[in-house]
Amino acid sequence: MLLIRNSVLSLLLSMFAGLACAAPPVAVEESATPDEAITKVRSAAKFLQDKGGSGFASLNSKDGPWVWKDSYVFAFDCRLDRMVAHPMRPDLVGLPIMQITDNNGKYIFKELCKTGSPPRGGWVEYVWTRPGAGRVSRKLTYTLTADMSFSTGIQVAAGVYDDKVTLAEVTKIAEKMSDPTKYPAH
């Protein structure tokens, strides 16, 4: 059983590495911002709250509203240890995720699940190969639990590649966007 699990993990890591080299580099002006990631993740969580599990199909669409610039929203089930929606890698849907590590050995999804559990979610920092760059980059991913009927442990997330913004700065952005007096609705 351990051999099978290790084989699956090796396959997942090689698939992620292949994805990183598949896309052309993204210009700076086409890079997603922390504000956009927060807005998209919160919108996707609300969307799943309204649609339930049938909303995963929309999150799986690479041509849908959850893909923009160099980012996208993906969804995973922390309780059942599996990817439930990924617009760029539909082959990952249904596969285990908790053992996936970044290039420094950090268990990414364990951190995402822990950080996304509080009501306002949070940010996780890790290194990952940026699509089209061919090298690892610092990535910050915002994650939030989707409050879905008949399902617990579902989280949605989206990341940004930014070598300059600090974890404290993106946390402040999220806090500001959570306060209607500081960030009024449009």
Protein backbone atom coordinates (compact mmCIF):
# COMPACT_ATOMS: atom_id res chain seq x y z
CA MET A 1 0.00 0.00 0.00
CA LEU A 2 2.88 2.36 0.84
CA LEU A 3 4.46 1.60 -2.53
CA ILE A 4 1.22 2.53 -4.32
CA ARG A 5 0.86 5.78 -2.35
CA ASN A 6 4.50 6.72 -3.06
CA SER A 7 3.97 5.95 -6.75
CA VAL A 8 0.90 8.21 -6.84
CA LEU A 9 2.84 10.99 -5.10
CA SER A 10 5.70 10.67 -7.58
CA LEU A 11 3.23 10.82 -10.45
CA LEU A 12 1.58 13.93 -8.99
CA LEU A 13 4.89 15.72 -8.55
CA SER A 14 5.97 14.92 -12.10
CA MET A 15 2.60 16.13 -13.44
CA PHE A 16 2.95 19.43 -11.55
CA ALA A 17 6.49 19.83 -12.90
CA GLY A 18 5.20 19.27 -16.45
CA LEU A 19 2.53 21.90 -15.97
CA ALA A 20 5.11 24.45 -14.90
CA CYS A 21 6.89 24.23 -18.24
CA ALA A 22 3.76 24.15 -20.42
CA ALA A 23 2.63 27.78 -20.34
CA PRO A 24 4.40 30.82 -21.77
CA PRO A 25 5.82 33.37 -19.32
CA VAL A 26 3.35 35.93 -18.05
CA ALA A 27 4.13 39.64 -18.26
CA VAL A 28 4.20 41.60 -15.01
CA GLU A 29 1.06 43.55 -15.96
CA GLU A 30 -0.71 40.23 -16.48
CA SER A 31 0.11 38.90 -13.01
CA ALA A 32 -2.74 38.37 -10.57
CA THR A 33 -2.79 40.62 -7.51
CA PRO A 34 -3.53 39.65 -3.90
CA ASP A 35 -6.75 41.71 -4.03
CA GLU A 36 -7.93 39.76 -7.08
CA ALA A 37 -7.09 36.41 -5.48
CA ILE A 38 -9.07 37.30 -2.35
CA THR A 39 -12.05 38.52 -4.38
CA LYS A 40 -12.06 35.44 -6.64
CA VAL A 41 -11.71 33.00 -3.72
CA ARG A 42 -14.49 34.64 -1.72
CA SER A 43 -16.72 34.75 -4.81
CA ALA A 44 -16.03 31.08 -5.50
CA ALA A 45 -16.80 30.14 -1.88
CA LYS A 46 -20.13 32.00 -2.12
CA PHE A 47 -20.80 30.38 -5.50
CA LEU A 48 -20.26 26.90 -4.01
CA GLN A 49 -22.42 27.82 -1.02
CA ASP A 50 -25.24 28.65 -3.45
CA LYS A 51 -24.67 25.83 -6.00
CA GLY A 52 -23.33 23.05 -3.81
CA GLY A 53 -21.31 20.27 -5.38
CA SER A 54 -22.77 21.01 -8.81
CA GLY A 55 -20.63 24.17 -8.82
CA PHE A 56 -17.42 22.16 -9.12
CA ALA A 57 -18.01 21.82 -12.88
CA SER A 58 -17.69 25.60 -13.28
CA LEU A 59 -14.49 25.67 -11.23
CA ASN A 60 -13.06 22.93 -13.47
CA SER A 61 -13.51 25.02 -16.64
CA LYS A 62 -10.28 26.60 -17.85
CA ASP A 63 -12.36 29.03 -19.91
CA GLY A 64 -14.61 29.94 -16.99
CA PRO A 65 -14.78 32.95 -14.70
CA TRP A 66 -12.41 31.40 -12.14
CA VAL A 67 -9.35 31.65 -14.39
CA TRP A 68 -7.72 35.04 -14.92
CA LYS A 69 -4.27 36.43 -15.77
CA ASP A 70 -1.75 33.91 -14.38
CA SER A 71 -4.03 32.53 -11.65
CA TYR A 72 -7.10 30.40 -11.09
CA VAL A 73 -9.34 29.18 -8.30
CA PHE A 74 -9.08 25.52 -7.34
CA ALA A 75 -11.00 23.54 -4.73
CA PHE A 76 -10.02 20.66 -2.50
CA ASP A 77 -11.50 18.53 0.25
CA CYS A 78 -9.40 18.64 3.41
CA ARG A 79 -11.46 15.99 5.18
CA LEU A 80 -11.34 13.44 2.34
CA ASP A 81 -7.80 14.36 1.17
CA ARG A 82 -8.55 14.98 -2.49
CA MET A 83 -8.65 17.62 -5.20
CA VAL A 84 -12.25 18.37 -6.19
CA ALA A 85 -11.79 21.07 -8.85
CA HIS A 86 -8.79 22.30 -10.81
CA PRO A 87 -9.33 24.20 -14.07
CA MET A 88 -5.79 23.75 -15.37
CA ARG A 89 -5.25 20.16 -14.28
CA PRO A 90 -8.52 18.19 -14.41
CA ASP A 91 -6.45 14.99 -14.22
CA LEU A 92 -5.74 15.84 -10.56
CA VAL A 93 -9.41 15.84 -9.59
CA GLY A 94 -10.11 12.97 -7.21
CA LEU A 95 -6.46 12.36 -6.33
CA PRO A 96 -4.96 12.64 -2.81
CA ILE A 97 -3.31 15.98 -1.95
CA MET A 98 -2.11 16.01 1.67
CA GLN A 99 1.32 14.54 0.89
CA ILE A 100 2.16 17.12 -1.80
CA THR A 101 5.15 19.22 -0.79
CA ASP A 102 6.82 22.27 -2.25
CA ASN A 103 10.46 22.25 -3.31
CA ASN A 104 11.50 22.89 0.32
CA GLY A 105 9.51 19.97 1.73
CA LYS A 106 6.59 22.05 3.06
CA TYR A 107 3.28 20.15 3.03
CA ILE A 108 1.28 22.66 1.02
CA PHE A 109 -2.24 21.29 1.42
CA LYS A 110 -1.84 20.57 5.12
CA GLU A 111 -0.98 24.27 5.53
CA LEU A 112 -3.79 25.38 3.22
CA CYS A 113 -6.35 23.33 5.15
CA LYS A 114 -5.20 24.69 8.51
CA THR A 115 -4.98 28.30 7.33
CA GLY A 116 -8.28 28.29 5.45
CA SER A 117 -10.31 27.00 8.39
CA PRO A 118 -10.92 30.29 10.27
CA PRO A 119 -13.94 32.30 9.04
CA ARG A 120 -11.87 34.77 7.02
CA GLY A 121 -9.36 32.27 5.67
CA GLY A 122 -5.72 33.16 5.24
CA TRP A 123 -2.54 33.07 3.21
CA VAL A 124 0.07 30.34 2.82
CA GLU A 125 3.54 31.01 1.45
CA TYR A 126 5.55 28.34 -0.37
CA VAL A 127 7.80 27.88 -3.37
CA TRP A 128 6.47 26.47 -6.60
CA THR A 129 7.43 26.40 -10.24
CA ARG A 130 5.81 29.36 -11.95
CA PRO A 131 4.12 28.45 -15.25
CA GLY A 132 6.45 29.27 -18.11
CA ALA A 133 9.34 30.37 -15.89
CA GLY A 134 11.13 27.02 -15.62
CA ARG A 135 12.30 27.83 -12.10
CA VAL A 136 10.79 27.92 -8.64
CA SER A 137 9.24 31.13 -7.42
CA ARG A 138 7.70 32.33 -4.21
CA LYS A 139 3.94 31.85 -4.25
CA LEU A 140 1.30 33.19 -1.87
CA THR A 141 -2.06 31.42 -1.89
CA TYR A 142 -5.23 32.66 -0.25
CA THR A 143 -7.54 29.92 0.98
CA LEU A 144 -11.02 29.90 2.51
CA THR A 145 -13.50 27.25 3.58
CA ALA A 146 -16.61 27.03 1.41
CA ASP A 147 -19.71 26.75 3.60
CA MET A 148 -21.55 24.07 1.62
CA SER A 149 -24.60 22.09 2.65
CA PHE A 150 -23.99 18.37 3.20
CA SER A 151 -20.24 18.80 2.77
CA THR A 152 -17.50 19.76 5.19
CA GLY A 153 -13.83 20.35 4.57
CA ILE A 154 -14.14 21.94 1.13
CA GLN A 155 -11.79 24.86 0.61
CA VAL A 156 -11.18 27.14 -2.33
CA ALA A 157 -7.89 28.85 -3.05
CA ALA A 158 -6.01 30.99 -5.57
CA GLY A 159 -2.41 32.10 -5.59
CA VAL A 160 -0.18 34.92 -6.74
CA TYR A 161 3.50 34.94 -7.61
CA ASP A 162 5.05 37.96 -5.93
CA ASP A 163 8.60 38.22 -4.64
CA LYS A 164 8.09 41.63 -3.03
CA VAL A 165 4.87 41.59 -1.00
CA THR A 166 5.18 40.17 2.51
CA LEU A 167 2.90 37.70 4.20
CA ALA A 168 2.01 40.43 6.70
CA GLU A 169 1.03 42.79 3.86
CA VAL A 170 -1.30 40.30 2.16
CA THR A 171 -2.82 39.47 5.55
CA LYS A 172 -3.57 43.17 6.05
CA ILE A 173 -5.16 43.32 2.59
CA ALA A 174 -7.42 40.38 3.49
CA GLU A 175 -8.35 41.99 6.83
CA LYS A 176 -9.12 45.30 5.13
CA MET A 177 -11.28 43.55 2.52
CA SER A 178 -13.15 41.76 5.32
CA ASP A 179 -14.11 45.07 6.96
CA PRO A 180 -16.96 46.82 5.09
CA THR A 181 -16.03 50.17 6.67
CA LYS A 182 -12.54 49.99 5.13
CA TYR A 183 -13.50 48.29 1.88
CA PRO A 184 -17.03 49.27 0.88
CA ALA A 185 -18.92 47.12 -1.63
CA HIS A 186 -18.90 48.41 -5.20
